[in-house]
Amino acid sequence: MYADKLFLDYSIPKTLQLKLSGDWRIFSALPTVDEVIAHFSAHPEVENITFSVSENIEWDSGLISFLRHVTRESENRNIRVNLEGLPQGAQKLLAMALQVSEKIIQRPIVHEPFLERVGAQALRVTQSTLSLLNFLGDIVVSFARFFSGKVYFRREEFITILQKCGSDALPLVSLISALVGIILAFIGAIQLRLFGAQIFIADIVGIAMVRVMGAVMTGVLMSGRTGASFAAELGIMQTNEEIDALRTLGISPVEFLVLPRVMALVIMMPLLTLYADIMGILGGFVISTGVLGLNPVEYWNHTQSAVKVAHLWIGLIHSFVFGIIIAVAGCLRGIRCARSAVAVGEATTSAVVTAITCIVIATAIITFVCQVLGV
């Protein structure tokens, strides 16, 4: 028993008086309700509970929680509780706490039939596909209006988006691309060293970076960086009803918001991919000549002879497609976002996942087509 805080007095017949003193704040050691309940069981003759509070008491919600449990237990045992001895503030807070009913809401578990779940999922997929096709149609119409000079959007905002998609992404693209080139060089050295053909590391790094890896790594980075940013920006605008305001003013949100973002990524992705190719080849060059002991001139000559113009064009085609995918995924998830903070986060996550998934699928398709065409 905490004698310095709680004292139980049975001097009055059939009455238990709780004398409270000391520190009753929530972070201090407080008496447990079980101790008081034990006294209820030991003294079944108790019919009333009163309180006496010392002048030096310090309390907060810890005291209210203790009194609430004591009062609830007293009601269950048909014991009357007199709160007059408590401070006025504690009485008001305790009265409010006692008004809240403790009800555990159990939601019924609904077992949907298998065919019903399959049908609902099919309807959701169909609706999502139609929404995507409708959005792509709006973008195509916007591009047609752009080339005819009928599209309205702010040129200053377009320049800002170009900067965010381009120069602001250079440090991250530099780091990741150089590391990918280093990794490719080390991986190639593991097998080529067995045949004494380490010089062909230049071929592996050069072709892999220019043909696929530069575009893929840039696409993944831009999905997490720019695609998520597009989804968050448009999602917040949708939540704040700014997109509805544009429609009310007769301005197409696709033309005013989506078109400049798509154009910015389509323009900057090939340039970032070229930069990523250079950084990846440079990373492989540094490791191959500085760690693996290859001749720099020979390495450079092998890179020039291995990397063909066809490889460069294939990489640029990858980057062009990836730019469209990232921009469409980010803008679609943002402009279709529900009006809540949670929905904005979900839209951002969905944009990144959708973009990366589509990048992998597009890479597989382009690679298969190139293999069939013998490119």
Protein backbone atom coordinates (compact mmCIF):
# COMPACT_ATOMS: atom_id res chain seq x y z
CA MET A 1 0.00 0.00 0.00
CA TYR A 2 1.27 3.51 -0.86
CA ALA A 3 0.80 5.05 2.59
CA ASP A 4 2.13 8.42 1.42
CA LYS A 5 -0.57 8.66 -1.26
CA LEU A 6 -3.55 6.51 -0.24
CA PHE A 7 -4.95 5.68 3.19
CA LEU A 8 -8.14 3.65 3.76
CA ASP A 9 -10.21 4.75 6.75
CA TYR A 10 -13.02 2.57 8.17
CA SER A 11 -13.73 4.74 11.23
CA ILE A 12 -17.24 5.56 9.98
CA PRO A 13 -19.60 2.55 10.03
CA LYS A 14 -20.36 1.02 6.60
CA THR A 15 -18.24 3.74 4.98
CA LEU A 16 -14.84 3.56 3.37
CA GLN A 17 -13.00 6.85 3.19
CA LEU A 18 -10.13 7.16 0.71
CA LYS A 19 -7.64 9.76 1.91
CA LEU A 20 -5.49 10.99 -1.00
CA SER A 21 -2.26 12.95 -0.70
CA GLY A 22 1.09 13.41 -2.44
CA ASP A 23 1.86 13.10 -6.15
CA TRP A 24 -0.94 11.58 -8.25
CA ARG A 25 0.47 12.50 -11.65
CA ILE A 26 0.53 9.92 -14.39
CA PHE A 27 4.31 9.46 -14.55
CA SER A 28 4.68 8.83 -10.81
CA ALA A 29 4.19 5.49 -9.08
CA LEU A 30 0.47 5.27 -8.36
CA PRO A 31 -1.48 2.80 -6.22
CA THR A 32 -3.26 0.10 -8.17
CA VAL A 33 -7.03 -0.25 -8.22
CA ASP A 34 -6.64 -3.94 -7.36
CA GLU A 35 -5.61 -2.99 -3.83
CA VAL A 36 -8.85 -1.08 -3.30
CA ILE A 37 -10.89 -3.89 -4.86
CA ALA A 38 -9.29 -6.33 -2.45
CA HIS A 39 -10.56 -4.21 0.42
CA PHE A 40 -14.06 -4.34 -1.08
CA SER A 41 -13.97 -8.11 -0.92
CA ALA A 42 -12.55 -8.11 2.62
CA HIS A 43 -15.20 -5.67 3.89
CA PRO A 44 -18.53 -6.60 2.27
CA GLU A 45 -20.37 -4.38 4.81
CA VAL A 46 -19.17 -1.21 3.07
CA GLU A 47 -22.07 0.70 1.49
CA ASN A 48 -20.56 4.16 0.95
CA ILE A 49 -17.28 5.56 -0.32
CA THR A 50 -16.09 9.09 0.42
CA PHE A 51 -12.93 10.95 -0.40
CA SER A 52 -10.62 13.23 1.52
CA VAL A 53 -7.91 15.14 -0.29
CA SER A 54 -4.91 16.83 1.34
CA GLU A 55 -3.88 20.35 0.40
CA ASN A 56 -0.48 19.33 -0.98
CA ILE A 57 -1.85 16.89 -3.55
CA GLU A 58 -0.65 17.17 -7.15
CA TRP A 59 -2.76 15.41 -9.77
CA ASP A 60 -3.49 15.02 -13.43
CA SER A 61 -5.14 12.30 -15.55
CA GLY A 62 -3.47 9.63 -13.41
CA LEU A 63 -5.80 10.51 -10.51
CA ILE A 64 -8.84 10.64 -12.82
CA SER A 65 -8.05 7.19 -14.20
CA PHE A 66 -7.71 5.75 -10.68
CA LEU A 67 -10.96 7.34 -9.50
CA ARG A 68 -12.80 6.18 -12.61
CA HIS A 69 -11.85 2.54 -12.05
CA VAL A 70 -12.76 2.77 -8.37
CA THR A 71 -16.13 4.32 -9.22
CA ARG A 72 -16.91 1.69 -11.86
CA GLU A 73 -16.07 -1.14 -9.46
CA SER A 74 -18.18 0.48 -6.73
CA GLU A 75 -21.18 0.69 -9.07
CA ASN A 76 -20.80 -2.97 -9.91
CA ARG A 77 -20.95 -3.78 -6.17
CA ASN A 78 -23.87 -1.40 -5.48
CA ILE A 79 -21.70 0.88 -3.35
CA ARG A 80 -22.59 4.57 -3.36
CA VAL A 81 -19.76 6.99 -4.17
CA ASN A 82 -19.67 10.53 -2.81
CA LEU A 83 -17.35 12.79 -4.83
CA GLU A 84 -17.73 15.93 -2.73
CA GLY A 85 -14.34 15.57 -1.06
CA LEU A 86 -12.50 15.75 -4.42
CA PRO A 87 -11.24 18.96 -6.05
CA GLN A 88 -13.77 20.69 -8.29
CA GLY A 89 -11.68 20.10 -11.40
CA ALA A 90 -11.33 16.42 -10.63
CA GLN A 91 -15.07 16.09 -10.08
CA LYS A 92 -15.85 17.62 -13.47
CA LEU A 93 -13.30 15.50 -15.34
CA LEU A 94 -14.45 12.34 -13.56
CA ALA A 95 -18.08 13.08 -14.43
CA MET A 96 -17.11 13.45 -18.08
CA ALA A 97 -15.08 10.23 -18.00
CA LEU A 98 -17.95 8.29 -16.44
CA GLN A 99 -20.29 9.37 -19.23
CA VAL A 100 -18.23 7.51 -21.82
CA SER A 101 -19.52 3.98 -22.14
CA GLU A 102 -17.02 1.20 -22.68
CA LYS A 103 -18.40 -0.68 -25.63
CA ILE A 104 -16.33 -2.99 -27.75
CA ILE A 105 -17.61 -2.77 -31.29
CA GLN A 106 -17.23 -6.08 -33.06
CA ARG A 107 -17.72 -5.91 -36.76
CA PRO A 108 -19.40 -8.97 -38.16
CA ILE A 109 -17.18 -11.12 -40.33
CA VAL A 110 -18.71 -11.31 -43.77
CA HIS A 111 -17.65 -14.25 -45.90
CA GLU A 112 -18.22 -13.33 -49.52
CA PRO A 113 -18.73 -16.19 -51.95
CA PHE A 114 -15.77 -16.99 -54.20
CA LEU A 115 -17.57 -16.07 -57.42
CA GLU A 116 -18.69 -12.78 -55.90
CA ARG A 117 -15.10 -11.86 -54.99
CA VAL A 118 -13.89 -12.80 -58.46
CA GLY A 119 -16.65 -10.76 -60.08
CA ALA A 120 -15.95 -7.73 -57.88
CA GLN A 121 -12.25 -7.90 -58.70
CA ALA A 122 -13.01 -8.21 -62.41
CA LEU A 123 -15.23 -5.13 -62.23
CA ARG A 124 -12.50 -3.18 -60.44
CA VAL A 125 -9.94 -4.17 -63.07
CA THR A 126 -12.33 -3.21 -65.86
CA GLN A 127 -13.07 0.13 -64.25
CA SER A 128 -9.36 0.85 -63.74
CA THR A 129 -8.61 -0.06 -67.36
CA LEU A 130 -11.35 2.20 -68.68
CA SER A 131 -10.15 5.02 -66.42
CA LEU A 132 -6.59 4.58 -67.73
CA LEU A 133 -7.73 4.56 -71.35
CA ASN A 134 -9.84 7.65 -70.76
CA PHE A 135 -6.88 9.43 -69.15
CA LEU A 136 -4.55 8.45 -72.01
CA GLY A 137 -7.15 9.72 -74.50
CA ASP A 138 -7.25 13.07 -72.70
CA ILE A 139 -3.46 13.28 -72.87
CA VAL A 140 -3.45 12.50 -76.61
CA VAL A 141 -6.09 15.16 -77.22
CA SER A 142 -4.05 17.62 -75.16
CA PHE A 143 -0.94 16.92 -77.23
CA ALA A 144 -2.95 17.47 -80.40
CA ARG A 145 -4.18 20.79 -79.06
CA PHE A 146 -0.62 21.66 -78.01
CA PHE A 147 0.73 21.23 -81.54
CA SER A 148 -2.16 23.31 -82.86
CA GLY A 149 -1.31 26.07 -80.36
CA LYS A 150 -4.57 25.88 -78.41
CA VAL A 151 -3.26 24.59 -75.07
CA TYR A 152 -2.96 26.90 -72.08
CA PHE A 153 -0.46 26.26 -69.28
CA ARG A 154 2.07 28.41 -67.48
CA ARG A 155 5.46 28.43 -69.21
CA GLU A 156 7.22 29.39 -65.97
CA GLU A 157 5.81 26.32 -64.24
CA PHE A 158 6.93 24.14 -67.15
CA ILE A 159 10.49 25.46 -66.82
CA THR A 160 10.40 24.74 -63.09
CA ILE A 161 9.20 21.19 -63.70
CA LEU A 162 11.98 20.71 -66.26
CA GLN A 163 14.52 21.80 -63.65
CA LYS A 164 13.09 19.44 -61.03
CA CYS A 165 13.08 16.53 -63.47
CA GLY A 166 16.51 17.32 -64.88
CA SER A 167 19.27 19.19 -63.10
CA ASP A 168 17.92 18.53 -59.61
CA ALA A 169 18.13 14.77 -60.26
CA LEU A 170 21.73 14.78 -61.50
CA PRO A 171 23.44 14.08 -58.13
CA LEU A 172 21.32 11.00 -57.44
CA VAL A 173 21.60 9.73 -61.02
CA SER A 174 25.37 10.24 -60.91
CA LEU A 175 25.79 8.25 -57.72
CA ILE A 176 23.56 5.32 -58.67
CA SER A 177 24.82 5.06 -62.26
CA ALA A 178 28.46 5.09 -61.21
CA LEU A 179 27.79 2.40 -58.62
CA VAL A 180 25.95 0.27 -61.18
CA GLY A 181 28.93 0.55 -63.52
CA ILE A 182 31.24 -0.49 -60.68
CA ILE A 183 29.04 -3.46 -59.82
CA LEU A 184 28.92 -4.60 -63.44
CA ALA A 185 32.71 -4.38 -63.65
CA PHE A 186 33.21 -6.51 -60.53
CA ILE A 187 30.62 -9.06 -61.62
CA GLY A 188 32.17 -9.36 -65.08
CA ALA A 189 35.64 -9.73 -63.59
CA ILE A 190 34.57 -12.75 -61.54
CA GLN A 191 33.92 -14.89 -64.62
CA LEU A 192 36.22 -13.29 -67.20
CA ARG A 193 39.22 -13.72 -64.91
CA LEU A 194 38.83 -17.50 -65.28
CA PHE A 195 39.56 -17.19 -69.00
CA GLY A 196 42.08 -14.38 -68.80
CA ALA A 197 39.68 -12.09 -70.69
CA GLN A 198 39.30 -9.25 -68.21
CA ILE A 199 39.51 -6.69 -71.00
CA PHE A 200 36.00 -7.69 -72.08
CA ILE A 201 34.74 -6.03 -68.91
CA ALA A 202 34.67 -2.89 -71.06
CA ASP A 203 32.24 -4.60 -73.44
CA ILE A 204 29.97 -5.78 -70.63
CA VAL A 205 29.84 -2.43 -68.86
CA GLY A 206 29.48 -0.37 -72.03
CA ILE A 207 26.77 -2.46 -73.70
CA ALA A 208 24.81 -3.09 -70.49
CA MET A 209 24.76 0.56 -69.47
CA VAL A 210 23.98 2.02 -72.89
CA ARG A 211 21.46 -0.60 -73.97
CA VAL A 212 19.40 -1.21 -70.82
CA MET A 213 20.82 -0.50 -67.38
CA GLY A 214 21.26 3.24 -67.74
CA ALA A 215 17.65 3.73 -68.78
CA VAL A 216 16.26 1.24 -66.25
CA MET A 217 18.12 2.66 -63.25
CA THR A 218 17.22 6.22 -64.27
CA GLY A 219 13.60 5.16 -64.66
CA VAL A 220 13.49 3.54 -61.24
CA LEU A 221 15.08 6.59 -59.63
CA MET A 222 12.72 8.99 -61.37
CA SER A 223 9.74 6.82 -60.39
CA GLY A 224 10.56 7.16 -56.71
CA ARG A 225 11.59 10.78 -56.99
CA THR A 226 9.56 12.54 -59.68
CA GLY A 227 6.62 10.17 -60.15
CA ALA A 228 5.88 10.23 -56.43
CA SER A 229 6.22 14.03 -56.45
CA PHE A 230 3.68 14.34 -59.28
CA ALA A 231 1.22 12.07 -57.46
CA ALA A 232 1.60 13.98 -54.18
CA GLU A 233 1.25 17.42 -55.79
CA LEU A 234 -1.85 16.54 -57.79
CA GLY A 235 -3.27 14.53 -54.89
CA ILE A 236 -3.06 17.51 -52.56
CA MET A 237 -4.62 19.73 -55.23
CA GLN A 238 -7.44 17.22 -55.57
CA THR A 239 -7.89 17.18 -51.79
CA ASN A 240 -8.01 20.98 -51.67
CA GLU A 241 -10.52 21.01 -54.56
CA GLU A 242 -8.15 23.05 -56.72
CA ILE A 243 -8.69 20.70 -59.67
CA ASP A 244 -12.45 21.18 -59.35
CA ALA A 245 -11.84 24.92 -59.38
CA LEU A 246 -9.95 24.61 -62.68
CA ARG A 247 -12.86 22.69 -64.21
CA THR A 248 -15.26 25.37 -62.94
CA LEU A 249 -13.17 28.03 -64.70
CA GLY A 250 -13.31 26.03 -67.93
CA ILE A 251 -9.63 24.98 -67.79
CA SER A 252 -8.80 21.35 -68.52
CA PRO A 253 -6.75 19.88 -65.64
CA VAL A 254 -5.06 17.51 -68.07
CA GLU A 255 -3.86 20.37 -70.25
CA PHE A 256 -2.96 22.69 -67.39
CA LEU A 257 -1.38 20.18 -64.96
CA VAL A 258 -0.67 16.84 -66.63
CA LEU A 259 0.60 17.89 -70.07
CA PRO A 260 3.59 19.97 -68.85
CA ARG A 261 4.65 17.16 -66.52
CA VAL A 262 4.48 14.54 -69.24
CA MET A 263 6.40 16.77 -71.65
CA ALA A 264 9.04 17.54 -69.03
CA LEU A 265 9.74 13.88 -68.32
CA VAL A 266 9.68 12.91 -72.00
CA ILE A 267 12.27 15.60 -72.69
CA MET A 268 14.52 15.00 -69.69
CA MET A 269 14.51 11.18 -69.46
CA PRO A 270 16.63 10.61 -72.62
CA LEU A 271 19.08 13.29 -71.48
CA LEU A 272 19.32 11.79 -68.00
CA THR A 273 19.78 8.35 -69.56
CA LEU A 274 22.69 9.58 -71.68
CA TYR A 275 24.24 11.10 -68.56
CA ALA A 276 23.67 7.85 -66.65
CA ASP A 277 25.36 5.89 -69.44
CA ILE A 278 28.43 8.11 -69.25
CA MET A 279 28.61 7.88 -65.45
CA GLY A 280 28.17 4.08 -65.52
CA ILE A 281 30.92 3.64 -68.10
CA LEU A 282 33.12 6.00 -66.11
CA GLY A 283 32.51 3.99 -62.93
CA GLY A 284 33.45 0.75 -64.67
CA PHE A 285 36.50 2.46 -66.19
CA VAL A 286 37.78 3.69 -62.82
CA ILE A 287 37.42 0.28 -61.17
CA SER A 288 38.79 -1.67 -64.12
CA THR A 289 41.89 0.50 -64.51
CA GLY A 290 42.46 1.37 -60.88
CA VAL A 291 41.61 -1.91 -59.12
CA LEU A 292 41.53 -4.67 -61.72
CA GLY A 293 44.72 -3.47 -63.44
CA LEU A 294 43.45 -3.02 -67.02
CA ASN A 295 45.14 -0.67 -69.47
CA PRO A 296 43.12 2.58 -69.74
CA VAL A 297 43.70 3.06 -73.48
CA GLU A 298 42.81 -0.54 -74.27
CA TYR A 299 39.73 -0.34 -72.08
CA TRP A 300 38.57 2.82 -73.87
CA ASN A 301 39.18 1.30 -77.31
CA HIS A 302 37.18 -1.81 -76.37
CA THR A 303 34.32 0.35 -75.13
CA GLN A 304 34.24 2.30 -78.41
CA SER A 305 34.26 -0.83 -80.52
CA ALA A 306 31.61 -2.63 -78.41
CA VAL A 307 29.04 0.13 -78.04
CA LYS A 308 27.19 0.57 -81.33
CA VAL A 309 24.77 3.26 -82.38
CA ALA A 310 21.97 0.66 -82.31
CA HIS A 311 22.60 0.08 -78.60
CA LEU A 312 22.36 3.81 -77.99
CA TRP A 313 19.06 4.09 -79.84
CA ILE A 314 17.61 1.13 -77.94
CA GLY A 315 18.54 2.78 -74.65
CA LEU A 316 16.96 6.06 -75.74
CA ILE A 317 13.78 4.24 -76.76
CA HIS A 318 13.70 2.69 -73.29
CA SER A 319 14.09 6.09 -71.69
CA PHE A 320 11.39 7.67 -73.86
CA VAL A 321 8.89 4.94 -72.94
CA PHE A 322 9.89 5.11 -69.27
CA GLY A 323 9.34 8.87 -69.22
CA ILE A 324 5.78 8.43 -70.48
CA ILE A 325 5.11 5.62 -67.99
CA ILE A 326 6.40 7.55 -64.97
CA ALA A 327 4.55 10.74 -65.83
CA VAL A 328 1.25 8.99 -66.65
CA ALA A 329 1.39 6.80 -63.52
CA GLY A 330 2.17 9.72 -61.21
CA CYS A 331 -0.39 12.11 -62.71
CA LEU A 332 -3.12 9.46 -62.98
CA ARG A 333 -2.80 8.40 -59.34
CA GLY A 334 -2.68 12.01 -58.21
CA ILE A 335 -5.61 13.32 -60.24
CA ARG A 336 -7.76 10.28 -59.31
CA CYS A 337 -6.88 10.64 -55.62
CA ALA A 338 -9.63 10.71 -53.01
CA ARG A 339 -10.04 13.75 -50.78
CA SER A 340 -8.15 12.74 -47.64
CA ALA A 341 -4.61 12.79 -46.29
CA VAL A 342 -4.49 9.00 -46.23
CA ALA A 343 -5.53 8.86 -49.88
CA VAL A 344 -2.65 11.16 -50.86
CA GLY A 345 -0.15 8.78 -49.27
CA GLU A 346 -1.80 5.80 -50.93
CA ALA A 347 -1.75 7.56 -54.30
CA THR A 348 1.95 8.35 -53.94
CA THR A 349 2.79 4.76 -53.06
CA SER A 350 0.61 3.41 -55.86
CA ALA A 351 2.26 5.73 -58.38
CA VAL A 352 5.74 4.45 -57.53
CA VAL A 353 4.71 0.78 -57.52
CA THR A 354 2.79 1.14 -60.78
CA ALA A 355 5.62 2.97 -62.53
CA ILE A 356 8.33 0.49 -61.49
CA THR A 357 6.15 -2.50 -62.39
CA CYS A 358 5.36 -1.04 -65.81
CA ILE A 359 9.05 -0.22 -66.35
CA VAL A 360 10.02 -3.84 -65.78
CA ILE A 361 7.26 -5.07 -68.10
CA ALA A 362 8.17 -2.54 -70.78
CA THR A 363 11.83 -3.53 -70.53
CA ALA A 364 10.94 -7.18 -71.07
CA ILE A 365 8.74 -6.34 -74.06
CA ILE A 366 11.31 -4.07 -75.72
CA THR A 367 14.08 -6.61 -75.14
CA PHE A 368 11.95 -9.38 -76.68
CA VAL A 369 11.10 -7.22 -79.69
CA CYS A 370 14.76 -6.33 -80.19
CA GLN A 371 15.68 -10.00 -79.98
CA VAL A 372 13.07 -10.91 -82.60
CA LEU A 373 14.23 -8.11 -84.90
CA GLY A 374 17.87 -9.08 -84.35
CA VAL A 375 18.85 -5.63 -83.15
